C-alpha atoms as a PDB file:
ATOM      1  CA  MET A   1      -0.121   0.101  -0.041  1.00  0.00           C
ATOM      2  CA  ASN A   2       1.484   3.331  -1.114  1.00  0.00           C
ATOM      3  CA  ILE A   3       0.289   6.937  -1.638  1.00  0.00           C
ATOM      4  CA  ARG A   4      -0.454   6.273  -5.274  1.00  0.00           C
ATOM      5  CA  ASP A   5      -3.126   3.713  -4.322  1.00  0.00           C
ATOM      6  CA  VAL A   6      -4.771   6.107  -2.013  1.00  0.00           C
ATOM      7  CA  ALA A   7      -4.661   8.698  -4.835  1.00  0.00           C
ATOM      8  CA  ALA A   8      -6.125   6.433  -7.178  1.00  0.00           C
ATOM      9  CA  ALA A   9      -8.940   5.186  -4.886  1.00  0.00           C
ATOM     10  CA  ALA A  10      -9.816   8.907  -4.027  1.00  0.00           C
ATOM     11  CA  ASN A  11      -9.581   9.938  -7.498  1.00  0.00           C
ATOM     12  CA  VAL A  12      -6.763  12.551  -6.733  1.00  0.00           C
ATOM     13  CA  SER A  13      -3.369  13.205  -7.360  1.00  0.00           C
ATOM     14  CA  PRO A  14      -0.503  11.786  -5.008  1.00  0.00           C
ATOM     15  CA  ALA A  15       0.434  15.178  -4.440  1.00  0.00           C
ATOM     16  CA  THR A  16      -2.981  16.001  -3.154  1.00  0.00           C
ATOM     17  CA  VAL A  17      -2.931  12.977  -0.598  1.00  0.00           C
ATOM     18  CA  SER A  18       0.531  14.094   0.663  1.00  0.00           C
ATOM     19  CA  LEU A  19      -0.754  17.850   1.482  1.00  0.00           C
ATOM     20  CA  VAL A  20      -3.905  16.501   2.957  1.00  0.00           C
ATOM     21  CA  LEU A  21      -2.112  13.723   5.042  1.00  0.00           C
ATOM     22  CA  ASN A  22       0.304  16.127   6.167  1.00  0.00           C
ATOM     23  CA  ASN A  23      -2.191  18.763   7.240  1.00  0.00           C
ATOM     24  CA  SER A  24      -0.948  21.209   4.670  1.00  0.00           C
ATOM     25  CA  ALA A  25      -4.205  21.171   2.491  1.00  0.00           C
ATOM     26  CA  SER A  26      -4.969  24.761   3.046  1.00  0.00           C
ATOM     27  CA  LYS A  27      -1.660  25.539   1.161  1.00  0.00           C
ATOM     28  CA  LEU A  28      -3.581  24.846  -2.388  1.00  0.00           C
ATOM     29  CA  ARG A  29      -6.996  25.561  -1.075  1.00  0.00           C
ATOM     30  CA  ILE A  30      -7.961  21.752  -1.135  1.00  0.00           C
ATOM     31  CA  SER A  31     -11.594  21.459  -0.103  1.00  0.00           C
ATOM     32  CA  ASP A  32     -12.882  20.275   3.257  1.00  0.00           C
ATOM     33  CA  ALA A  33     -14.820  17.661   1.094  1.00  0.00           C
ATOM     34  CA  THR A  34     -11.685  16.351  -0.737  1.00  0.00           C
ATOM     35  CA  SER A  35      -9.602  16.411   2.249  1.00  0.00           C
ATOM     36  CA  ALA A  36     -12.259  14.267   4.244  1.00  0.00           C
ATOM     37  CA  ARG A  37     -12.691  11.693   1.340  1.00  0.00           C
ATOM     38  CA  VAL A  38      -8.856  11.294   1.125  1.00  0.00           C
ATOM     39  CA  ARG A  39      -8.684  10.632   4.835  1.00  0.00           C
ATOM     40  CA  SER A  40     -11.559   8.325   4.635  1.00  0.00           C
ATOM     41  CA  VAL A  41     -10.125   6.393   2.103  1.00  0.00           C
ATOM     42  CA  ALA A  42      -6.650   6.526   3.461  1.00  0.00           C
ATOM     43  CA  SER A  43      -8.172   5.263   6.748  1.00  0.00           C
ATOM     44  CA  LYS A  44     -10.253   2.280   4.664  1.00  0.00           C
ATOM     45  CA  LEU A  45      -7.268   1.157   3.024  1.00  0.00           C
ATOM     46  CA  GLY A  46      -4.996   1.136   6.078  1.00  0.00           C
ATOM     47  CA  TYR A  47      -2.444   3.404   4.571  1.00  0.00           C
ATOM     48  CA  ARG A  48       0.415   4.765   6.722  1.00  0.00           C
ATOM     49  CA  PRO A  49       2.807   7.436   5.720  1.00  0.00           C
ATOM     50  CA  ASN A  50       6.423   6.452   5.394  1.00  0.00           C
ATOM     51  CA  THR A  51       7.897   8.542   7.993  1.00  0.00           C
ATOM     52  CA  TYR A  52      11.442   7.614   7.252  1.00  0.00           C
ATOM     53  CA  ALA A  53      10.889   8.846   3.524  1.00  0.00           C
ATOM     54  CA  LYS A  54       9.198  12.013   4.830  1.00  0.00           C
ATOM     55  CA  ALA A  55      12.167  12.720   7.081  1.00  0.00           C
ATOM     56  CA  LEU A  56      14.642  12.335   4.146  1.00  0.00           C
ATOM     57  CA  ARG A  57      12.514  14.641   2.036  1.00  0.00           C
ATOM     58  CA  THR A  58      11.878  17.162   4.532  1.00  0.00           C
ATOM     59  CA  ASN A  59      15.086  17.033   6.618  1.00  0.00           C
ATOM     60  CA  ARG A  60      12.636  16.760   9.494  1.00  0.00           C
ATOM     61  CA  SER A  61      11.880  13.582  11.638  1.00  0.00           C
ATOM     62  CA  SER A  62       9.547  14.917  14.538  1.00  0.00           C
ATOM     63  CA  THR A  63      11.748  12.929  16.940  1.00  0.00           C
ATOM     64  CA  ILE A  64      13.545  14.052  19.968  1.00  0.00           C
ATOM     65  CA  GLY A  65      16.595  12.198  21.381  1.00  0.00           C
ATOM     66  CA  ILE A  66      16.632  11.737  25.302  1.00  0.00           C
ATOM     67  CA  LEU A  67      20.085  10.469  26.580  1.00  0.00           C
ATOM     68  CA  ALA A  68      19.719   9.438  30.229  1.00  0.00           C
ATOM     69  CA  PHE A  69      22.556   8.341  32.368  1.00  0.00           C
ATOM     70  CA  ASP A  70      20.795   5.537  33.948  1.00  0.00           C
ATOM     71  CA  ILE A  71      17.226   5.070  32.875  1.00  0.00           C
ATOM     72  CA  VAL A  72      16.288   2.728  35.915  1.00  0.00           C
ATOM     73  CA  ASP A  73      17.264   5.730  38.281  1.00  0.00           C
ATOM     74  CA  PRO A  74      14.161   7.260  39.860  1.00  0.00           C
ATOM     75  CA  TYR A  75      15.415  10.739  38.915  1.00  0.00           C
ATOM     76  CA  CYS A  76      15.721   9.894  35.533  1.00  0.00           C
ATOM     77  CA  ALA A  77      12.389   8.379  35.282  1.00  0.00           C
ATOM     78  CA  GLN A  78      10.782  11.358  36.557  1.00  0.00           C
ATOM     79  CA  VAL A  79      12.665  13.646  34.363  1.00  0.00           C
ATOM     80  CA  MET A  80      11.854  11.697  31.547  1.00  0.00           C
ATOM     81  CA  ARG A  81       8.289  11.680  32.014  1.00  0.00           C
ATOM     82  CA  GLY A  82       8.216  15.437  32.428  1.00  0.00           C
ATOM     83  CA  ALA A  83      10.118  15.733  28.987  1.00  0.00           C
ATOM     84  CA  GLU A  84       7.803  13.365  27.270  1.00  0.00           C
ATOM     85  CA  SER A  85       4.691  15.113  28.131  1.00  0.00           C
ATOM     86  CA  VAL A  86       5.997  18.292  26.553  1.00  0.00           C
ATOM     87  CA  ILE A  87       7.584  16.424  23.411  1.00  0.00           C
ATOM     88  CA  THR A  88       4.481  14.692  22.550  1.00  0.00           C
ATOM     89  CA  GLY A  89       2.269  17.715  23.307  1.00  0.00           C
ATOM     90  CA  ASN A  90       4.309  19.452  20.464  1.00  0.00           C
ATOM     91  CA  LYS A  91       3.703  16.561  17.989  1.00  0.00           C
ATOM     92  CA  HIS A  92       7.049  15.147  18.296  1.00  0.00           C
ATOM     93  CA  TYR A  93       7.984  11.702  19.474  1.00  0.00           C
ATOM     94  CA  PRO A  94      10.632  11.123  22.208  1.00  0.00           C
ATOM     95  CA  VAL A  95      13.454   8.320  21.494  1.00  0.00           C
ATOM     96  CA  PHE A  96      15.004   7.324  24.613  1.00  0.00           C
ATOM     97  CA  VAL A  97      18.561   5.895  25.088  1.00  0.00           C
ATOM     98  CA  ASP A  98      20.330   4.331  28.444  1.00  0.00           C
ATOM     99  CA  LEU A  99      23.901   4.925  28.886  1.00  0.00           C
ATOM    100  CA  GLN A 100      23.995   2.891  31.902  1.00  0.00           C
ATOM    101  CA  ASN A 101      26.604   5.360  33.423  1.00  0.00           C
ATOM    102  CA  ASP A 102      29.006   4.534  30.706  1.00  0.00           C
ATOM    103  CA  GLU A 103      30.218   7.718  28.845  1.00  0.00           C
ATOM    104  CA  SER A 104      31.978   5.622  26.163  1.00  0.00           C
ATOM    105  CA  LYS A 105      28.424   5.050  24.694  1.00  0.00           C
ATOM    106  CA  LEU A 106      27.774   8.735  24.349  1.00  0.00           C
ATOM    107  CA  SER A 107      29.543   9.583  20.931  1.00  0.00           C
ATOM    108  CA  GLY A 108      28.048   6.408  19.240  1.00  0.00           C
ATOM    109  CA  TYR A 109      24.376   7.468  20.251  1.00  0.00           C
ATOM    110  CA  ILE A 110      24.990  10.846  19.125  1.00  0.00           C
ATOM    111  CA  GLU A 111      25.916   9.622  15.675  1.00  0.00           C
ATOM    112  CA  MET A 112      22.992   7.459  15.674  1.00  0.00           C
ATOM    113  CA  PHE A 113      20.755  10.397  16.483  1.00  0.00           C
ATOM    114  CA  GLU A 114      22.359  12.490  13.735  1.00  0.00           C
ATOM    115  CA  GLU A 115      22.064   9.592  11.027  1.00  0.00           C
ATOM    116  CA  ASN A 116      18.420   9.563  11.803  1.00  0.00           C
ATOM    117  CA  ARG A 117      17.656  13.325  11.591  1.00  0.00           C
ATOM    118  CA  ILE A 118      16.400  13.932  15.193  1.00  0.00           C
ATOM    119  CA  GLU A 119      15.419  17.469  15.573  1.00  0.00           C
ATOM    120  CA  GLY A 120      16.899  18.144  19.146  1.00  0.00           C
ATOM    121  CA  LEU A 121      18.511  16.443  21.948  1.00  0.00           C
ATOM    122  CA  LEU A 122      17.973  16.272  25.890  1.00  0.00           C
ATOM    123  CA  ILE A 123      20.846  15.018  27.963  1.00  0.00           C
ATOM    124  CA  LEU A 124      20.241  13.860  31.530  1.00  0.00           C
ATOM    125  CA  ALA A 125      23.898  14.362  32.634  1.00  0.00           C
ATOM    126  CA  SER A 126      24.043  14.376  36.549  1.00  0.00           C
ATOM    127  CA  SER A 127      27.003  11.900  36.238  1.00  0.00           C
ATOM    128  CA  LEU A 128      28.197  12.490  32.731  1.00  0.00           C
ATOM    129  CA  GLN A 129      30.882  14.845  31.657  1.00  0.00           C
ATOM    130  CA  ILE A 130      29.854  16.650  28.469  1.00  0.00           C
ATOM    131  CA  ASP A 131      32.960  17.399  26.686  1.00  0.00           C
ATOM    132  CA  GLN A 132      33.270  20.423  24.512  1.00  0.00           C
ATOM    133  CA  GLY A 133      34.131  18.560  21.580  1.00  0.00           C
ATOM    134  CA  THR A 134      30.705  16.695  21.960  1.00  0.00           C
ATOM    135  CA  ILE A 135      29.090  19.862  21.877  1.00  0.00           C
ATOM    136  CA  ARG A 136      30.834  21.530  19.039  1.00  0.00           C
ATOM    137  CA  LYS A 137      30.112  18.404  16.919  1.00  0.00           C
ATOM    138  CA  LEU A 138      26.256  19.050  17.812  1.00  0.00           C
ATOM    139  CA  ALA A 139      26.404  22.544  16.890  1.00  0.00           C
ATOM    140  CA  LYS A 140      27.998  21.799  13.608  1.00  0.00           C
ATOM    141  CA  GLU A 141      25.500  19.451  12.873  1.00  0.00           C
ATOM    142  CA  ARG A 142      22.791  21.963  14.062  1.00  0.00           C
ATOM    143  CA  ILE A 143      21.283  19.624  16.415  1.00  0.00           C
ATOM    144  CA  PRO A 144      19.713  21.623  19.192  1.00  0.00           C
ATOM    145  CA  LEU A 145      20.760  20.667  22.742  1.00  0.00           C
ATOM    146  CA  VAL A 146      19.630  21.147  26.270  1.00  0.00           C
ATOM    147  CA  VAL A 147      21.440  19.504  29.200  1.00  0.00           C
ATOM    148  CA  ILE A 148      19.434  18.779  32.434  1.00  0.00           C
ATOM    149  CA  GLY A 149      21.528  18.006  35.690  1.00  0.00           C
ATOM    150  CA  ARG A 150      24.633  19.915  35.199  1.00  0.00           C
ATOM    151  CA  LYS A 151      26.151  23.013  33.883  1.00  0.00           C
ATOM    152  CA  VAL A 152      28.477  23.101  30.781  1.00  0.00           C
ATOM    153  CA  LEU A 153      31.022  25.373  29.848  1.00  0.00           C
ATOM    154  CA  GLN A 154      29.384  26.334  26.492  1.00  0.00           C
ATOM    155  CA  PRO A 155      27.234  29.507  27.296  1.00  0.00           C
ATOM    156  CA  ASP A 156      24.864  29.101  24.412  1.00  0.00           C
ATOM    157  CA  VAL A 157      23.866  25.682  25.423  1.00  0.00           C
ATOM    158  CA  PRO A 158      20.731  25.844  27.834  1.00  0.00           C
ATOM    159  CA  THR A 159      20.694  24.076  30.931  1.00  0.00           C
ATOM    160  CA  VAL A 160      18.119  22.953  33.809  1.00  0.00           C
ATOM    161  CA  VAL A 161      19.899  22.042  37.021  1.00  0.00           C
ATOM    162  CA  THR A 162      18.666  21.424  40.760  1.00  0.00           C
ATOM    163  CA  ASP A 163      19.795  23.867  43.435  1.00  0.00           C
ATOM    164  CA  SER A 164      21.732  21.212  45.213  1.00  0.00           C
ATOM    165  CA  GLN A 165      23.971  23.644  47.018  1.00  0.00           C
ATOM    166  CA  GLY A 166      20.997  25.332  48.324  1.00  0.00           C
ATOM    167  CA  GLY A 167      18.951  22.300  49.055  1.00  0.00           C
ATOM    168  CA  ALA A 168      21.872  20.863  51.202  1.00  0.00           C
ATOM    169  CA  TYR A 169      22.411  24.113  53.046  1.00  0.00           C
ATOM    170  CA  LYS A 170      18.669  23.905  53.936  1.00  0.00           C
ATOM    171  CA  ALA A 171      18.880  20.197  55.109  1.00  0.00           C
ATOM    172  CA  VAL A 172      21.904  20.680  57.397  1.00  0.00           C
ATOM    173  CA  ARG A 173      20.531  24.059  58.591  1.00  0.00           C
ATOM    174  CA  HIS A 174      17.321  22.091  59.438  1.00  0.00           C
ATOM    175  CA  LEU A 175      19.350  19.396  61.558  1.00  0.00           C
ATOM    176  CA  ILE A 176      21.492  22.160  63.381  1.00  0.00           C
ATOM    177  CA  GLY A 177      18.113  23.850  64.302  1.00  0.00           C
ATOM    178  CA  LEU A 178      17.244  20.776  65.887  1.00  0.00           C
ATOM    179  CA  GLY A 179      20.428  20.836  68.180  1.00  0.00           C
ATOM    180  CA  HIS A 180      22.742  18.382  65.927  1.00  0.00           C
ATOM    181  CA  ARG A 181      26.463  19.267  65.770  1.00  0.00           C
ATOM    182  CA  ASP A 182      27.936  16.026  64.891  1.00  0.00           C
ATOM    183  CA  ILE A 183      26.706  15.428  61.468  1.00  0.00           C
ATOM    184  CA  ALA A 184      27.819  12.820  59.041  1.00  0.00           C
ATOM    185  CA  PHE A 185      27.559  13.023  55.212  1.00  0.00           C
ATOM    186  CA  VAL A 186      26.794   9.864  52.990  1.00  0.00           C
ATOM    187  CA  LEU A 187      27.707  11.261  49.517  1.00  0.00           C
ATOM    188  CA  GLY A 188      27.458  10.001  46.076  1.00  0.00           C
ATOM    189  CA  PRO A 189      30.198   8.984  43.645  1.00  0.00           C
ATOM    190  CA  ASP A 190      32.981  12.048  42.890  1.00  0.00           C
ATOM    191  CA  SER A 191      31.658  11.831  39.336  1.00  0.00           C
ATOM    192  CA  TYR A 192      28.251  13.016  40.314  1.00  0.00           C
ATOM    193  CA  VAL A 193      28.253  16.757  40.066  1.00  0.00           C
ATOM    194  CA  ASP A 194      25.277  16.825  42.565  1.00  0.00           C
ATOM    195  CA  SER A 195      27.443  15.218  45.148  1.00  0.00           C
ATOM    196  CA  GLN A 196      29.926  17.804  45.179  1.00  0.00           C
ATOM    197  CA  LEU A 197      27.677  20.656  45.212  1.00  0.00           C
ATOM    198  CA  ARG A 198      25.759  18.990  48.184  1.00  0.00           C
ATOM    199  CA  ARG A 199      28.914  18.571  50.319  1.00  0.00           C
ATOM    200  CA  ARG A 200      29.769  22.126  49.607  1.00  0.00           C
ATOM    201  CA  GLY A 201      26.370  23.327  50.797  1.00  0.00           C
ATOM    202  CA  GLY A 202      26.533  21.020  53.898  1.00  0.00           C
ATOM    203  CA  GLU A 203      29.997  22.775  54.662  1.00  0.00           C
ATOM    204  CA  GLN A 204      28.611  25.867  54.215  1.00  0.00           C
ATOM    205  CA  ALA A 205      25.732  25.481  56.581  1.00  0.00           C
ATOM    206  CA  LEU A 206      28.389  24.112  59.161  1.00  0.00           C
ATOM    207  CA  GLY A 207      30.546  26.988  58.711  1.00  0.00           C
ATOM    208  CA  ASP A 208      27.783  29.844  59.000  1.00  0.00           C
ATOM    209  CA  SER A 209      26.762  28.134  62.483  1.00  0.00           C
ATOM    210  CA  GLY A 210      30.341  28.009  63.577  1.00  0.00           C
ATOM    211  CA  ILE A 211      30.562  24.277  63.571  1.00  0.00           C
ATOM    212  CA  PRO A 212      33.988  22.817  62.443  1.00  0.00           C
ATOM    213  CA  VAL A 213      33.869  20.739  59.417  1.00  0.00           C
ATOM    214  CA  ARG A 214      34.802  16.964  60.331  1.00  0.00           C
ATOM    215  CA  ASN A 215      36.048  15.032  57.144  1.00  0.00           C
ATOM    216  CA  GLU A 216      36.367  11.928  58.902  1.00  0.00           C
ATOM    217  CA  LEU A 217      32.182  11.994  59.002  1.00  0.00           C
ATOM    218  CA  PHE A 218      32.347  12.499  55.223  1.00  0.00           C
ATOM    219  CA  ILE A 219      31.784   9.016  53.386  1.00  0.00           C
ATOM    220  CA  ALA A 220      31.304   8.239  49.853  1.00  0.00           C
ATOM    221  CA  GLU A 221      30.552   5.082  47.589  1.00  0.00           C
ATOM    222  CA  GLN A 222      31.988   5.133  44.204  1.00  0.00           C
ATOM    223  CA  THR A 223      29.560   2.672  43.055  1.00  0.00           C
ATOM    224  CA  PRO A 224      28.232   2.854  39.471  1.00  0.00           C
ATOM    225  CA  GLY A 225      24.398   2.723  39.263  1.00  0.00           C
ATOM    226  CA  TRP A 226      24.188   4.474  42.652  1.00  0.00           C
ATOM    227  CA  GLY A 227      21.363   2.713  44.704  1.00  0.00           C
ATOM    228  CA  PRO A 228      20.365   1.810  48.404  1.00  0.00           C
ATOM    229  CA  GLN A 229      23.131  -0.688  48.666  1.00  0.00           C
ATOM    230  CA  ALA A 230      25.706   2.210  48.391  1.00  0.00           C
ATOM    231  CA  GLY A 231      24.071   4.121  51.219  1.00  0.00           C
ATOM    232  CA  TYR A 232      24.034   1.026  53.244  1.00  0.00           C
ATOM    233  CA  ARG A 233      27.691   0.075  52.619  1.00  0.00           C
ATOM    234  CA  ALA A 234      28.687   3.762  53.160  1.00  0.00           C
ATOM    235  CA  MET A 235      27.060   3.773  56.614  1.00  0.00           C
ATOM    236  CA  LYS A 236      28.486   0.131  57.635  1.00  0.00           C
ATOM    237  CA  ARG A 237      31.723   1.559  57.247  1.00  0.00           C
ATOM    238  CA  LEU A 238      31.163   4.546  59.077  1.00  0.00           C
ATOM    239  CA  LEU A 239      29.701   2.748  62.071  1.00  0.00           C
ATOM    240  CA  ARG A 240      32.631   0.741  62.306  1.00  0.00           C
ATOM    241  CA  THR A 241      35.106   3.726  63.139  1.00  0.00           C
ATOM    242  CA  LYS A 242      32.944   6.419  64.172  1.00  0.00           C
ATOM    243  CA  ARG A 243      29.739   4.705  65.975  1.00  0.00           C
ATOM    244  CA  GLY A 244      28.787   7.239  68.746  1.00  0.00           C
ATOM    245  CA  GLU A 245      30.508  10.261  67.104  1.00  0.00           C
ATOM    246  CA  PHE A 246      27.458  11.430  65.285  1.00  0.00           C
ATOM    247  CA  THR A 247      23.800  12.094  66.023  1.00  0.00           C
ATOM    248  CA  ALA A 248      22.521  12.894  62.529  1.00  0.00           C
ATOM    249  CA  VAL A 249      23.181  11.945  58.798  1.00  0.00           C
ATOM    250  CA  PHE A 250      22.789  13.980  55.661  1.00  0.00           C
ATOM    251  CA  ALA A 251      22.401  11.332  52.744  1.00  0.00           C
ATOM    252  CA  PHE A 252      23.277  12.504  49.144  1.00  0.00           C
ATOM    253  CA  ASP A 253      19.607  11.279  48.120  1.00  0.00           C
ATOM    254  CA  ASP A 254      16.647   9.516  49.333  1.00  0.00           C
ATOM    255  CA  ILE A 255      17.841   6.018  47.661  1.00  0.00           C
ATOM    256  CA  SER A 256      21.096   6.425  49.781  1.00  0.00           C
ATOM    257  CA  ALA A 257      18.942   7.493  52.903  1.00  0.00           C
ATOM    258  CA  PHE A 258      17.036   4.259  52.686  1.00  0.00           C
ATOM    259  CA  GLY A 259      20.157   2.137  52.814  1.00  0.00           C
ATOM    260  CA  THR A 260      21.640   4.266  55.563  1.00  0.00           C
ATOM    261  CA  ILE A 261      18.409   3.758  57.898  1.00  0.00           C
ATOM    262  CA  ARG A 262      18.755  -0.011  57.210  1.00  0.00           C
ATOM    263  CA  ALA A 263      22.244  -0.116  58.426  1.00  0.00           C
ATOM    264  CA  LEU A 264      21.378   1.981  61.291  1.00  0.00           C
ATOM    265  CA  ALA A 265      18.728  -0.448  62.329  1.00  0.00           C
ATOM    266  CA  GLU A 266      20.941  -3.536  62.049  1.00  0.00           C
ATOM    267  CA  ALA A 267      23.207  -1.603  64.384  1.00  0.00           C
ATOM    268  CA  ASP A 268      20.348  -1.150  66.797  1.00  0.00           C
ATOM    269  CA  LEU A 269      20.150   2.615  66.434  1.00  0.00           C
ATOM    270  CA  ASN A 270      16.534   3.951  66.296  1.00  0.00           C
ATOM    271  CA  VAL A 271      15.751   6.784  63.550  1.00  0.00           C
ATOM    272  CA  PRO A 272      15.053   9.485  64.669  1.00  0.00           C
ATOM    273  CA  ARG A 273      15.679   8.700  68.510  1.00  0.00           C
ATOM    274  CA  ASP A 274      19.354   7.943  68.469  1.00  0.00           C
ATOM    275  CA  VAL A 275      20.350   9.305  65.009  1.00  0.00           C
ATOM    276  CA  SER A 276      18.585  11.787  62.737  1.00  0.00           C
ATOM    277  CA  VAL A 277      18.481  11.199  58.875  1.00  0.00           C
ATOM    278  CA  VAL A 278      17.545  13.555  55.952  1.00  0.00           C
ATOM    279  CA  GLY A 279      17.557  12.711  52.436  1.00  0.00           C
ATOM    280  CA  PHE A 280      17.209  14.556  49.087  1.00  0.00           C
ATOM    281  CA  ASP A 281      14.844  14.290  46.175  1.00  0.00           C
ATOM    282  CA  ASP A 282      11.431  13.487  48.024  1.00  0.00           C
ATOM    283  CA  LEU A 283      10.917  10.407  46.031  1.00  0.00           C
ATOM    284  CA  SER A 284       7.260   9.146  46.258  1.00  0.00           C
ATOM    285  CA  ALA A 285       8.606   6.248  48.245  1.00  0.00           C
ATOM    286  CA  ALA A 286      10.006   8.510  51.004  1.00  0.00           C
ATOM    287  CA  ALA A 287       6.654   9.483  52.558  1.00  0.00           C
ATOM    288  CA  PHE A 288       5.826   5.713  52.867  1.00  0.00           C
ATOM    289  CA  PHE A 289       9.217   4.533  54.495  1.00  0.00           C
ATOM    290  CA  ASN A 290       9.523   3.620  58.110  1.00  0.00           C
ATOM    291  CA  PRO A 291      10.021   6.185  59.395  1.00  0.00           C
ATOM    292  CA  PRO A 292       8.775   8.825  56.969  1.00  0.00           C
ATOM    293  CA  LEU A 293      11.611  10.395  55.649  1.00  0.00           C
ATOM    294  CA  THR A 294      12.517  14.126  56.180  1.00  0.00           C
ATOM    295  CA  THR A 295      13.891  15.213  52.811  1.00  0.00           C
ATOM    296  CA  ILE A 296      14.500  18.024  50.347  1.00  0.00           C
ATOM    297  CA  HIS A 297      11.756  18.294  47.595  1.00  0.00           C
ATOM    298  CA  TYR A 298      12.101  19.701  43.857  1.00  0.00           C
ATOM    299  CA  SER A 299      10.297  18.730  41.051  1.00  0.00           C
ATOM    300  CA  MET A 300      12.061  16.292  38.882  1.00  0.00           C
ATOM    301  CA  VAL A 301       9.068  16.300  36.201  1.00  0.00           C
ATOM    302  CA  GLY A 302       9.382  19.810  36.387  1.00  0.00           C
ATOM    303  CA  MET A 303      12.912  19.769  35.508  1.00  0.00           C
ATOM    304  CA  GLY A 304      12.020  17.577  32.466  1.00  0.00           C
ATOM    305  CA  ALA A 305       9.094  19.754  31.251  1.00  0.00           C
ATOM    306  CA  GLN A 306      11.291  22.998  31.465  1.00  0.00           C
ATOM    307  CA  GLY A 307      14.274  21.234  29.587  1.00  0.00           C
ATOM    308  CA  ALA A 308      12.119  20.096  26.806  1.00  0.00           C
ATOM    309  CA  LYS A 309      10.231  23.567  26.630  1.00  0.00           C
ATOM    310  CA  LEU A 310      13.744  25.029  26.434  1.00  0.00           C
ATOM    311  CA  LEU A 311      14.615  22.788  23.481  1.00  0.00           C
ATOM    312  CA  PHE A 312      11.596  23.543  21.442  1.00  0.00           C
ATOM    313  CA  ASP A 313      12.620  27.256  21.912  1.00  0.00           C
ATOM    314  CA  VAL A 314      15.732  26.713  20.407  1.00  0.00           C
ATOM    315  CA  ILE A 315      14.328  24.347  17.490  1.00  0.00           C
ATOM    316  CA  HIS A 316      11.839  27.070  16.722  1.00  0.00           C
ATOM    317  CA  ALA A 317      14.102  29.974  17.667  1.00  0.00           C
ATOM    318  CA  GLN A 318      11.613  31.663  19.734  1.00  0.00           C
ATOM    319  CA  ALA A 319      13.824  32.314  22.490  1.00  0.00           C
ATOM    320  CA  GLN A 320      14.560  35.853  23.425  1.00  0.00           C
ATOM    321  CA  ARG A 321      17.920  37.039  24.576  1.00  0.00           C
ATOM    322  CA  THR A 322      16.311  38.435  28.017  1.00  0.00           C
ATOM    323  CA  GLU A 323      14.985  34.866  28.593  1.00  0.00           C
ATOM    324  CA  PRO A 324      16.612  32.787  31.398  1.00  0.00           C
ATOM    325  CA  ARG A 325      18.754  30.226  29.424  1.00  0.00           C
ATOM    326  CA  ASN A 326      19.694  28.397  32.474  1.00  0.00           C
ATOM    327  CA  LEU A 327      16.942  27.491  34.861  1.00  0.00           C
ATOM    328  CA  VAL A 328      17.311  26.302  38.652  1.00  0.00           C
ATOM    329  CA  ALA A 329      14.724  24.061  40.184  1.00  0.00           C
ATOM    330  CA  GLU A 330      13.792  25.454  43.683  1.00  0.00           C
ATOM    331  CA  CYS A 331      14.264  23.161  46.675  1.00  0.00           C
ATOM    332  CA  ARG A 332      12.250  23.066  49.851  1.00  0.00           C
ATOM    333  CA  LEU A 333      12.591  21.093  53.155  1.00  0.00           C
ATOM    334  CA  ILE A 334       9.725  18.417  53.613  1.00  0.00           C
ATOM    335  CA  PHE A 335       9.815  17.814  57.419  1.00  0.00           C
ATOM    336  CA  ARG A 336       8.742  14.188  58.365  1.00  0.00           C
ATOM    337  CA  LYS A 337       9.609  11.593  60.930  1.00  0.00           C
ATOM    338  CA  SER A 338      13.388  10.763  60.410  1.00  0.00           C
ATOM    339  CA  THR A 339      14.590  13.614  62.046  1.00  0.00           C
ATOM    340  CA  GLY A 340      14.308  14.846  65.782  1.00  0.00           C
ATOM    341  CA  PRO A 341      16.101  16.567  68.715  1.00  0.00           C
ATOM    342  CA  VAL A 342      19.621  15.726  69.381  1.00  0.00           C
ATOM    343  CA  PRO A 343      19.686  12.787  71.565  1.00  0.00           C
ATOM    344  CA  ARG A 344      21.130  12.990  75.248  1.00  0.00           C
ATOM    345  CA  LYS A 345      23.685  10.036  74.469  1.00  0.00           C
ATOM    346  CA  VAL A 346      24.261   7.914  71.695  1.00  0.00           C
ATOM    347  CA  SER A 347      25.810   4.222  72.608  1.00  0.00           C
END
């Protein structure tokens, strides 16, 4: 079944069929009756336009590439959901790719996107280094790019990031406000830019309160595909040498906080009676964990939607010079039951 079959059955030219099915009938003043007849015949015959041929002809594919550092990470899943809603709302189709925290796959997938004439690219890059060569290559191929999760050196590349430093500052100030001075930090891998920023925010909160930074209470797991097991292992290591030396924990994210609380429970330490724990992300599971997790909230879905909107601004050349090109997701503390006053004694 091809466009000539539809044209013959509808008694019109192939060009008329193409214009009608591509919603361009008004360009040649094709009547509503003719348009309706063409659509009816195409439907009865089960005709589907060849999107690949259309992409070759128009140099437009109506597809948007989304490169995620880890598609099973709850952060990535929520960001992609927000992006997908905007992409489909603009009559485009998302093509998702999972890098599985492997930067070596990046260039290969970008080449694939180039060959398939994608119209724009979103990169979820919290744990990825986007080198300048990659950005220059995309610019040369005129593929619009927006990076979500980290800032890049290229000033003309729009970004959407979390206020990780500010959020961590709020989390640690919350613990300090409850009387805690000995605060441990369970950090993410060094490759995660958010981990570095959250450490910086925590240290700033300590410094502003006149509390010395104790580097021995900072611990990180360099685990690809960061998950609850990483927070669990990190806390197990910390308890072996520093048990009794801290009354609160700031965890890099909610997932690591879950693992942290499990390790504390196995050590017969109650949260929050013996040790308070605060996370970051406000995943849906955080409110239903035992105990419900105090955490930092920001809209991951909103970040994805903002990133996709920025990308379409670039595609359609609608962004004004005065419009912010680098957006920051606002963070706020959600106070639940995993944090409480400093205990009199930790054994």
